[in-house]
Amino acid sequence: MAGSDNVPLMVKAVRRTGLRVLATGEGVSVENPVGGVLTFKAMAGDTDGAVTAIETIAAPGEGPPLHAHAENELIYTLEGTFRIRLGDVIHKADPGTFVFIPSGTPHTWQNLGAGPARFFATIIPAASAFEEFFLRYAQLPADQRGVEAFARLAQETKAFDVVGPPLSESHPL
């Protein structure tokens, strides 16, 4: 086949390992540290280390402590309204909002609604430590959870650095 100007098209071999198609409700699901459910749609081992992808549901008023990690993160809001802190700036994020968080940027978010809110996020490149953090946190007994456990597990797994409190504490509504 020829491309434009009769220049032969160069077809690059496409690696077929790691292809994923997951239907609604599929993936590895764990209890989210901020209430609700976190579902891994793609993990490091699924994507040859390319990406970690999650769908998360957050309880009303909840969000993680201010944190930073070595990987880039993309967030796309699906349902509900969030406020998202990037560095020192807080943004409102209605459904359909796209957020790019460069590596090393302190960030957090909070569900502003009276009901559960949901977003899709990717970590690039994949972060097995990030994945391990959520898997281990979900195994903690309910009475051992909270901001201190979040920070301790983040440090133990080297998933990210907790650098401040959740928005509900640092910037109450």
N, C-alpha and C. Protein backbone atom coordinates (compact mmCIF):
# COMPACT_ATOMS: atom_id res chain seq x y z
N MET A 1 0.84 -1.19 0.00
CA MET A 1 0.00 0.00 0.00
C MET A 1 0.88 1.23 0.00
N ALA A 2 0.39 2.25 -0.57
CA ALA A 2 1.15 3.49 -0.62
C ALA A 2 0.47 4.54 0.22
N GLY A 3 1.28 5.40 0.80
CA GLY A 3 0.77 6.53 1.55
C GLY A 3 0.58 7.70 0.61
N SER A 4 0.52 8.92 1.13
CA SER A 4 0.38 10.09 0.28
C SER A 4 1.62 10.23 -0.59
N ASP A 5 1.47 10.80 -1.75
CA ASP A 5 2.57 10.99 -2.71
C ASP A 5 3.23 9.68 -3.12
N ASN A 6 2.49 8.60 -3.10
CA ASN A 6 2.98 7.28 -3.49
C ASN A 6 4.19 6.81 -2.69
N VAL A 7 4.33 7.30 -1.46
CA VAL A 7 5.40 6.84 -0.58
C VAL A 7 4.89 5.60 0.14
N PRO A 8 5.66 4.50 0.10
CA PRO A 8 5.19 3.28 0.76
C PRO A 8 4.94 3.52 2.25
N LEU A 9 3.83 2.98 2.75
CA LEU A 9 3.51 3.06 4.17
C LEU A 9 4.42 2.12 4.93
N MET A 10 4.96 2.57 5.99
CA MET A 10 5.77 1.73 6.87
C MET A 10 4.85 1.23 7.97
N VAL A 11 4.68 -0.04 8.05
CA VAL A 11 3.81 -0.62 9.07
C VAL A 11 4.70 -1.15 10.17
N LYS A 12 4.49 -0.63 11.33
CA LYS A 12 5.28 -1.00 12.49
C LYS A 12 4.64 -2.22 13.16
N ALA A 13 5.43 -3.16 13.55
CA ALA A 13 4.90 -4.33 14.27
C ALA A 13 4.33 -3.86 15.60
N VAL A 14 3.15 -4.33 15.93
CA VAL A 14 2.50 -3.95 17.18
C VAL A 14 2.60 -5.12 18.14
N ARG A 15 3.12 -4.85 19.31
CA ARG A 15 3.23 -5.87 20.33
C ARG A 15 1.83 -6.20 20.85
N ARG A 16 1.49 -7.44 20.93
CA ARG A 16 0.13 -7.83 21.29
C ARG A 16 -0.01 -8.28 22.74
N THR A 17 1.05 -8.26 23.52
CA THR A 17 0.91 -8.64 24.92
C THR A 17 0.27 -7.49 25.68
N GLY A 18 -0.44 -7.81 26.71
CA GLY A 18 -1.01 -6.79 27.58
C GLY A 18 -2.29 -6.16 27.07
N LEU A 19 -2.88 -6.66 25.98
CA LEU A 19 -4.15 -6.10 25.53
C LEU A 19 -5.20 -6.35 26.60
N ARG A 20 -6.05 -5.35 26.86
CA ARG A 20 -7.06 -5.46 27.91
C ARG A 20 -8.37 -4.88 27.44
N VAL A 21 -9.42 -5.60 27.65
CA VAL A 21 -10.77 -5.09 27.48
C VAL A 21 -11.54 -5.56 28.70
N LEU A 22 -11.97 -4.62 29.52
CA LEU A 22 -12.71 -4.95 30.74
C LEU A 22 -14.08 -4.30 30.68
N ALA A 23 -15.10 -5.06 30.94
CA ALA A 23 -16.46 -4.54 30.96
C ALA A 23 -16.73 -3.85 32.30
N THR A 24 -17.85 -3.18 32.36
CA THR A 24 -18.28 -2.54 33.60
C THR A 24 -18.24 -3.56 34.73
N GLY A 25 -17.66 -3.16 35.84
CA GLY A 25 -17.59 -4.03 37.01
C GLY A 25 -16.43 -5.01 37.01
N GLU A 26 -15.69 -5.12 35.90
CA GLU A 26 -14.55 -6.03 35.86
C GLU A 26 -13.29 -5.33 36.33
N GLY A 27 -12.36 -6.12 36.83
CA GLY A 27 -11.09 -5.63 37.35
C GLY A 27 -10.94 -6.06 38.79
N VAL A 28 -9.78 -5.79 39.35
CA VAL A 28 -9.51 -6.10 40.75
C VAL A 28 -10.05 -4.95 41.59
N SER A 29 -11.05 -5.24 42.43
CA SER A 29 -11.68 -4.20 43.25
C SER A 29 -11.30 -4.36 44.71
N VAL A 30 -11.04 -3.21 45.36
CA VAL A 30 -10.72 -3.18 46.79
C VAL A 30 -11.48 -2.02 47.41
N GLU A 31 -11.62 -2.08 48.73
CA GLU A 31 -12.24 -0.96 49.43
C GLU A 31 -11.32 0.24 49.34
N ASN A 32 -11.89 1.37 48.95
CA ASN A 32 -11.13 2.60 48.78
C ASN A 32 -10.83 3.22 50.16
N PRO A 33 -9.62 3.73 50.38
CA PRO A 33 -9.33 4.38 51.66
C PRO A 33 -10.25 5.56 51.96
N VAL A 34 -10.89 6.13 50.94
CA VAL A 34 -11.78 7.27 51.16
C VAL A 34 -13.25 6.87 51.01
N GLY A 35 -13.55 5.62 51.32
CA GLY A 35 -14.91 5.12 51.20
C GLY A 35 -15.20 4.72 49.78
N GLY A 36 -16.12 3.83 49.58
CA GLY A 36 -16.43 3.37 48.23
C GLY A 36 -15.50 2.26 47.78
N VAL A 37 -15.36 2.14 46.47
CA VAL A 37 -14.60 1.05 45.87
C VAL A 37 -13.60 1.61 44.87
N LEU A 38 -12.41 1.04 44.85
CA LEU A 38 -11.40 1.35 43.85
C LEU A 38 -11.21 0.09 43.01
N THR A 39 -11.33 0.21 41.69
CA THR A 39 -11.18 -0.93 40.81
C THR A 39 -10.00 -0.70 39.87
N PHE A 40 -9.04 -1.62 39.91
CA PHE A 40 -7.92 -1.57 38.98
C PHE A 40 -8.40 -2.06 37.62
N LYS A 41 -8.33 -1.21 36.62
CA LYS A 41 -8.68 -1.59 35.25
C LYS A 41 -7.44 -2.09 34.52
N ALA A 42 -6.27 -1.63 34.92
CA ALA A 42 -5.01 -2.11 34.36
C ALA A 42 -3.94 -1.95 35.44
N MET A 43 -3.10 -2.95 35.56
CA MET A 43 -2.02 -2.91 36.54
C MET A 43 -0.69 -3.06 35.80
N ALA A 44 0.38 -2.78 36.49
CA ALA A 44 1.72 -2.82 35.89
C ALA A 44 1.97 -4.13 35.15
N GLY A 45 1.61 -5.24 35.76
CA GLY A 45 1.83 -6.54 35.14
C GLY A 45 0.97 -6.79 33.92
N ASP A 46 -0.15 -6.07 33.80
CA ASP A 46 -1.06 -6.22 32.66
C ASP A 46 -0.58 -5.44 31.44
N THR A 47 0.23 -4.39 31.68
CA THR A 47 0.56 -3.43 30.63
C THR A 47 2.05 -3.33 30.36
N ASP A 48 2.80 -4.35 30.77
CA ASP A 48 4.26 -4.32 30.61
C ASP A 48 4.85 -3.05 31.21
N GLY A 49 4.26 -2.58 32.32
CA GLY A 49 4.76 -1.41 33.03
C GLY A 49 4.38 -0.07 32.42
N ALA A 50 3.48 -0.07 31.45
CA ALA A 50 3.12 1.18 30.77
C ALA A 50 2.21 2.07 31.62
N VAL A 51 1.20 1.47 32.29
CA VAL A 51 0.20 2.30 32.96
C VAL A 51 -0.49 1.51 34.06
N THR A 52 -0.86 2.21 35.11
CA THR A 52 -1.80 1.72 36.12
C THR A 52 -3.06 2.55 35.91
N ALA A 53 -4.20 1.89 35.79
CA ALA A 53 -5.46 2.60 35.55
C ALA A 53 -6.48 2.17 36.58
N ILE A 54 -7.18 3.14 37.16
CA ILE A 54 -8.17 2.85 38.19
C ILE A 54 -9.47 3.61 37.94
N GLU A 55 -10.55 3.01 38.38
CA GLU A 55 -11.83 3.70 38.50
C GLU A 55 -12.08 3.76 40.00
N THR A 56 -12.40 4.92 40.50
CA THR A 56 -12.59 5.04 41.95
C THR A 56 -13.90 5.72 42.28
N ILE A 57 -14.49 5.26 43.35
CA ILE A 57 -15.71 5.86 43.90
C ILE A 57 -15.35 6.38 45.28
N ALA A 58 -15.65 7.64 45.51
CA ALA A 58 -15.33 8.27 46.79
C ALA A 58 -16.61 8.62 47.54
N ALA A 59 -16.59 8.42 48.84
CA ALA A 59 -17.72 8.76 49.70
C ALA A 59 -17.86 10.28 49.80
N PRO A 60 -19.05 10.76 50.14
CA PRO A 60 -19.28 12.20 50.28
C PRO A 60 -18.31 12.85 51.26
N GLY A 61 -17.73 13.97 50.84
CA GLY A 61 -16.83 14.74 51.70
C GLY A 61 -15.44 14.17 51.84
N GLU A 62 -15.18 13.02 51.25
CA GLU A 62 -13.90 12.34 51.45
C GLU A 62 -12.88 12.64 50.36
N GLY A 63 -11.62 12.41 50.71
CA GLY A 63 -10.50 12.55 49.80
C GLY A 63 -9.22 12.20 50.54
N PRO A 64 -8.15 11.91 49.81
CA PRO A 64 -6.90 11.50 50.43
C PRO A 64 -6.11 12.68 51.01
N PRO A 65 -5.10 12.39 51.82
CA PRO A 65 -4.19 13.45 52.26
C PRO A 65 -3.43 14.03 51.06
N LEU A 66 -2.93 15.23 51.22
CA LEU A 66 -2.08 15.86 50.21
C LEU A 66 -0.86 14.96 50.02
N HIS A 67 -0.56 14.61 48.78
CA HIS A 67 0.54 13.68 48.51
C HIS A 67 1.19 13.98 47.16
N ALA A 68 2.36 13.40 46.94
CA ALA A 68 3.08 13.54 45.67
C ALA A 68 3.71 12.21 45.35
N HIS A 69 3.80 11.90 44.05
CA HIS A 69 4.48 10.67 43.64
C HIS A 69 5.32 10.93 42.40
N ALA A 70 6.19 9.98 42.09
CA ALA A 70 7.16 10.13 41.02
C ALA A 70 6.56 10.02 39.63
N GLU A 71 5.34 9.49 39.53
CA GLU A 71 4.71 9.27 38.23
C GLU A 71 3.75 10.41 37.89
N ASN A 72 3.48 10.58 36.60
CA ASN A 72 2.44 11.50 36.15
C ASN A 72 1.09 10.85 36.44
N GLU A 73 0.07 11.67 36.65
CA GLU A 73 -1.27 11.15 36.88
C GLU A 73 -2.26 11.94 36.04
N LEU A 74 -3.23 11.22 35.48
CA LEU A 74 -4.33 11.83 34.75
C LEU A 74 -5.61 11.47 35.48
N ILE A 75 -6.49 12.44 35.67
CA ILE A 75 -7.80 12.18 36.29
C ILE A 75 -8.87 12.71 35.34
N TYR A 76 -9.90 11.90 35.13
CA TYR A 76 -11.06 12.31 34.34
C TYR A 76 -12.29 12.05 35.19
N THR A 77 -13.00 13.13 35.55
CA THR A 77 -14.15 12.98 36.44
C THR A 77 -15.35 12.44 35.66
N LEU A 78 -16.06 11.49 36.27
CA LEU A 78 -17.19 10.83 35.62
C LEU A 78 -18.53 11.22 36.23
N GLU A 79 -18.63 11.20 37.55
CA GLU A 79 -19.88 11.51 38.25
C GLU A 79 -19.57 12.30 39.50
N GLY A 80 -20.42 13.24 39.82
CA GLY A 80 -20.23 14.03 41.02
C GLY A 80 -19.31 15.20 40.77
N THR A 81 -19.10 15.99 41.81
CA THR A 81 -18.23 17.16 41.72
C THR A 81 -17.12 17.03 42.75
N PHE A 82 -15.92 17.30 42.31
CA PHE A 82 -14.74 17.25 43.16
C PHE A 82 -14.13 18.64 43.24
N ARG A 83 -13.33 18.83 44.25
CA ARG A 83 -12.37 19.93 44.21
C ARG A 83 -11.02 19.25 44.25
N ILE A 84 -10.12 19.77 43.44
CA ILE A 84 -8.81 19.15 43.27
C ILE A 84 -7.74 20.20 43.55
N ARG A 85 -6.85 19.87 44.46
CA ARG A 85 -5.75 20.77 44.80
C ARG A 85 -4.50 20.31 44.06
N LEU A 86 -3.92 21.23 43.28
CA LEU A 86 -2.65 21.01 42.60
C LEU A 86 -1.69 22.07 43.10
N GLY A 87 -0.68 21.65 43.85
CA GLY A 87 0.19 22.63 44.49
C GLY A 87 -0.62 23.42 45.49
N ASP A 88 -0.67 24.75 45.30
CA ASP A 88 -1.43 25.61 46.21
C ASP A 88 -2.75 26.09 45.64
N VAL A 89 -3.13 25.60 44.45
CA VAL A 89 -4.34 26.06 43.79
C VAL A 89 -5.41 24.98 43.85
N ILE A 90 -6.63 25.40 44.18
CA ILE A 90 -7.76 24.46 44.25
C ILE A 90 -8.70 24.74 43.08
N HIS A 91 -9.04 23.67 42.34
CA HIS A 91 -9.90 23.76 41.17
C HIS A 91 -11.19 22.98 41.42
N LYS A 92 -12.29 23.46 40.85
CA LYS A 92 -13.55 22.71 40.88
C LYS A 92 -13.53 21.77 39.68
N ALA A 93 -13.99 20.54 39.87
CA ALA A 93 -13.98 19.54 38.80
C ALA A 93 -15.34 18.87 38.70
N ASP A 94 -16.17 19.37 37.80
CA ASP A 94 -17.47 18.77 37.50
C ASP A 94 -17.26 17.56 36.59
N PRO A 95 -18.31 16.76 36.35
CA PRO A 95 -18.17 15.63 35.43
C PRO A 95 -17.62 16.08 34.07
N GLY A 96 -16.68 15.31 33.54
CA GLY A 96 -16.06 15.63 32.27
C GLY A 96 -14.79 16.45 32.38
N THR A 97 -14.39 16.81 33.60
CA THR A 97 -13.16 17.57 33.79
C THR A 97 -11.95 16.65 33.66
N PHE A 98 -10.94 17.12 32.94
CA PHE A 98 -9.69 16.40 32.76
C PHE A 98 -8.61 17.13 33.55
N VAL A 99 -7.80 16.38 34.30
CA VAL A 99 -6.74 16.95 35.10
C VAL A 99 -5.44 16.20 34.81
N PHE A 100 -4.37 16.93 34.49
CA PHE A 100 -3.04 16.34 34.35
C PHE A 100 -2.21 16.78 35.55
N ILE A 101 -1.62 15.81 36.24
CA ILE A 101 -0.81 16.10 37.42
C ILE A 101 0.62 15.63 37.14
N PRO A 102 1.54 16.58 36.87
CA PRO A 102 2.92 16.19 36.59
C PRO A 102 3.57 15.52 37.81
N SER A 103 4.51 14.63 37.54
CA SER A 103 5.20 13.94 38.63
C SER A 103 5.77 14.95 39.62
N GLY A 104 5.73 14.57 40.90
CA GLY A 104 6.27 15.42 41.95
C GLY A 104 5.36 16.53 42.43
N THR A 105 4.19 16.72 41.80
CA THR A 105 3.28 17.80 42.19
C THR A 105 2.44 17.38 43.39
N PRO A 106 2.51 18.12 44.50
CA PRO A 106 1.62 17.82 45.62
C PRO A 106 0.17 18.02 45.17
N HIS A 107 -0.67 17.03 45.46
CA HIS A 107 -2.07 17.10 45.03
C HIS A 107 -2.97 16.28 45.94
N THR A 108 -4.23 16.62 45.89
CA THR A 108 -5.27 15.87 46.58
C THR A 108 -6.60 16.26 45.96
N TRP A 109 -7.66 15.63 46.39
CA TRP A 109 -8.99 15.91 45.89
C TRP A 109 -10.00 15.61 46.98
N GLN A 110 -11.23 16.10 46.78
CA GLN A 110 -12.31 15.85 47.73
C GLN A 110 -13.63 15.79 46.97
N ASN A 111 -14.46 14.81 47.31
CA ASN A 111 -15.81 14.71 46.78
C ASN A 111 -16.66 15.78 47.47
N LEU A 112 -17.21 16.70 46.69
CA LEU A 112 -18.01 17.80 47.25
C LEU A 112 -19.48 17.46 47.43
N GLY A 113 -19.92 16.36 46.84
CA GLY A 113 -21.35 16.06 46.83
C GLY A 113 -21.87 15.37 48.07
N ALA A 114 -23.20 15.23 48.09
CA ALA A 114 -23.89 14.55 49.19
C ALA A 114 -23.96 13.05 48.95
N GLY A 115 -23.55 12.59 47.76
CA GLY A 115 -23.54 11.17 47.42
C GLY A 115 -22.18 10.77 46.88
N PRO A 116 -22.03 9.50 46.54
CA PRO A 116 -20.75 9.03 46.00
C PRO A 116 -20.40 9.76 44.69
N ALA A 117 -19.11 9.94 44.45
CA ALA A 117 -18.61 10.55 43.21
C ALA A 117 -17.58 9.59 42.62
N ARG A 118 -17.36 9.71 41.30
CA ARG A 118 -16.53 8.71 40.62
C ARG A 118 -15.62 9.38 39.59
N PHE A 119 -14.38 8.86 39.50
CA PHE A 119 -13.47 9.30 38.44
C PHE A 119 -12.61 8.14 37.96
N PHE A 120 -11.99 8.36 36.81
CA PHE A 120 -11.05 7.40 36.22
C PHE A 120 -9.69 8.06 36.25
N ALA A 121 -8.67 7.32 36.66
CA ALA A 121 -7.32 7.89 36.73
C ALA A 121 -6.31 6.91 36.16
N THR A 122 -5.25 7.48 35.62
CA THR A 122 -4.13 6.67 35.15
C THR A 122 -2.85 7.20 35.77
N ILE A 123 -1.96 6.28 36.06
CA ILE A 123 -0.64 6.60 36.57
C ILE A 123 0.33 6.17 35.47
N ILE A 124 1.20 7.10 35.03
CA ILE A 124 2.10 6.83 33.92
C ILE A 124 3.52 7.21 34.31
N PRO A 125 4.49 6.30 34.21
CA PRO A 125 4.31 4.89 33.87
C PRO A 125 3.62 4.16 35.02
N ALA A 126 3.32 2.89 34.78
CA ALA A 126 2.66 2.08 35.81
C ALA A 126 3.46 2.14 37.10
N ALA A 127 2.74 1.98 38.22
CA ALA A 127 3.38 2.07 39.52
C ALA A 127 2.94 0.90 40.39
N SER A 128 3.76 -0.14 40.42
CA SER A 128 3.41 -1.31 41.22
C SER A 128 3.36 -0.96 42.71
N ALA A 129 4.15 0.01 43.16
CA ALA A 129 4.11 0.44 44.57
C ALA A 129 2.75 1.09 44.87
N PHE A 130 2.24 1.87 43.96
CA PHE A 130 0.91 2.50 44.08
C PHE A 130 -0.15 1.41 44.21
N GLU A 131 -0.05 0.40 43.38
CA GLU A 131 -0.99 -0.72 43.40
C GLU A 131 -0.90 -1.46 44.74
N GLU A 132 0.33 -1.74 45.18
CA GLU A 132 0.53 -2.45 46.44
C GLU A 132 -0.06 -1.66 47.61
N PHE A 133 0.09 -0.34 47.60
CA PHE A 133 -0.47 0.49 48.66
C PHE A 133 -1.97 0.23 48.82
N PHE A 134 -2.72 0.31 47.73
CA PHE A 134 -4.17 0.13 47.81
C PHE A 134 -4.57 -1.29 48.20
N LEU A 135 -3.84 -2.27 47.69
CA LEU A 135 -4.13 -3.66 48.05
C LEU A 135 -3.89 -3.90 49.54
N ARG A 136 -2.81 -3.35 50.07
CA ARG A 136 -2.50 -3.52 51.50
C ARG A 136 -3.44 -2.72 52.39
N TYR A 137 -3.78 -1.49 51.98
CA TYR A 137 -4.67 -0.68 52.80
C TYR A 137 -6.02 -1.37 52.94
N ALA A 138 -6.51 -1.96 51.88
CA ALA A 138 -7.81 -2.64 51.90
C ALA A 138 -7.83 -3.84 52.84
N GLN A 139 -6.67 -4.38 53.16
CA GLN A 139 -6.58 -5.53 54.07
C GLN A 139 -6.56 -5.13 55.54
N LEU A 140 -6.38 -3.84 55.82
CA LEU A 140 -6.34 -3.39 57.22
C LEU A 140 -7.72 -3.52 57.87
N PRO A 141 -7.75 -3.94 59.14
CA PRO A 141 -9.02 -3.91 59.86
C PRO A 141 -9.53 -2.47 59.95
N ALA A 142 -10.84 -2.30 59.98
CA ALA A 142 -11.45 -0.96 59.98
C ALA A 142 -10.90 -0.06 61.08
N ASP A 143 -10.63 -0.62 62.26
CA ASP A 143 -10.15 0.20 63.38
C ASP A 143 -8.68 0.61 63.23
N GLN A 144 -7.99 0.12 62.21
CA GLN A 144 -6.59 0.48 61.99
C GLN A 144 -6.40 1.40 60.79
N ARG A 145 -7.50 1.88 60.21
CA ARG A 145 -7.43 2.75 59.04
C ARG A 145 -7.42 4.22 59.45
N GLY A 146 -7.18 5.07 58.51
CA GLY A 146 -7.18 6.50 58.76
C GLY A 146 -5.95 7.15 58.16
N VAL A 147 -5.80 8.46 58.40
CA VAL A 147 -4.72 9.23 57.80
C VAL A 147 -3.35 8.70 58.23
N GLU A 148 -3.21 8.31 59.50
CA GLU A 148 -1.91 7.80 59.96
C GLU A 148 -1.55 6.50 59.25
N ALA A 149 -2.50 5.60 59.10
CA ALA A 149 -2.25 4.34 58.38
C ALA A 149 -1.96 4.62 56.92
N PHE A 150 -2.67 5.57 56.34
CA PHE A 150 -2.46 5.97 54.95
C PHE A 150 -1.00 6.41 54.77
N ALA A 151 -0.54 7.31 55.64
CA ALA A 151 0.84 7.82 55.54
C ALA A 151 1.86 6.72 55.80
N ARG A 152 1.60 5.87 56.77
CA ARG A 152 2.54 4.78 57.09
C ARG A 152 2.69 3.81 55.93
N LEU A 153 1.56 3.38 55.36
CA LEU A 153 1.61 2.44 54.23
C LEU A 153 2.21 3.10 52.99
N ALA A 154 1.94 4.36 52.79
CA ALA A 154 2.53 5.07 51.65
C ALA A 154 4.05 5.05 51.76
N GLN A 155 4.55 5.26 52.97
CA GLN A 155 6.00 5.25 53.19
C GLN A 155 6.56 3.83 53.06
N GLU A 156 5.89 2.85 53.63
CA GLU A 156 6.36 1.46 53.57
C GLU A 156 6.43 0.94 52.14
N THR A 157 5.43 1.27 51.34
CA THR A 157 5.38 0.76 49.96
C THR A 157 6.16 1.65 49.00
N LYS A 158 6.53 2.85 49.46
CA LYS A 158 7.19 3.85 48.62
C LYS A 158 6.30 4.26 47.43
N ALA A 159 4.99 4.24 47.66
CA ALA A 159 4.02 4.61 46.62
C ALA A 159 4.00 6.10 46.37
N PHE A 160 4.02 6.88 47.44
CA PHE A 160 4.01 8.33 47.36
C PHE A 160 4.38 8.90 48.71
N ASP A 161 4.63 10.20 48.73
CA ASP A 161 4.94 10.91 49.97
C ASP A 161 3.71 11.69 50.40
N VAL A 162 3.26 11.46 51.62
CA VAL A 162 2.17 12.26 52.18
C VAL A 162 2.80 13.53 52.72
N VAL A 163 2.32 14.69 52.19
CA VAL A 163 2.95 15.97 52.53
C VAL A 163 1.99 16.95 53.21
N GLY A 164 0.77 16.49 53.50
CA GLY A 164 -0.18 17.35 54.17
C GLY A 164 -1.49 16.62 54.41
N PRO A 165 -2.42 17.28 55.07
CA PRO A 165 -3.71 16.66 55.41
C PRO A 165 -4.66 16.67 54.21
N PRO A 166 -5.79 15.95 54.35
CA PRO A 166 -6.84 16.02 53.33
C PRO A 166 -7.40 17.44 53.23
N LEU A 167 -8.03 17.76 52.12
CA LEU A 167 -8.65 19.07 51.94
C LEU A 167 -9.67 19.40 53.01
N SER A 168 -10.38 18.39 53.48
CA SER A 168 -11.41 18.63 54.52
C SER A 168 -10.79 19.23 55.78
N GLU A 169 -9.50 18.98 55.99
CA GLU A 169 -8.80 19.55 57.15
C GLU A 169 -8.05 20.84 56.79
N SER A 170 -7.35 20.86 55.66
CA SER A 170 -6.53 22.01 55.31
C SER A 170 -7.36 23.18 54.79
N HIS A 171 -8.46 22.88 54.10
CA HIS A 171 -9.32 23.92 53.53
C HIS A 171 -10.79 23.53 53.71
N PRO A 172 -11.27 23.53 54.97
CA PRO A 172 -12.66 23.13 55.21
C PRO A 172 -13.63 24.05 54.46
N LEU A 173 -14.75 23.47 54.10
CA LEU A 173 -15.78 24.25 53.39
C LEU A 173 -16.58 25.09 54.35
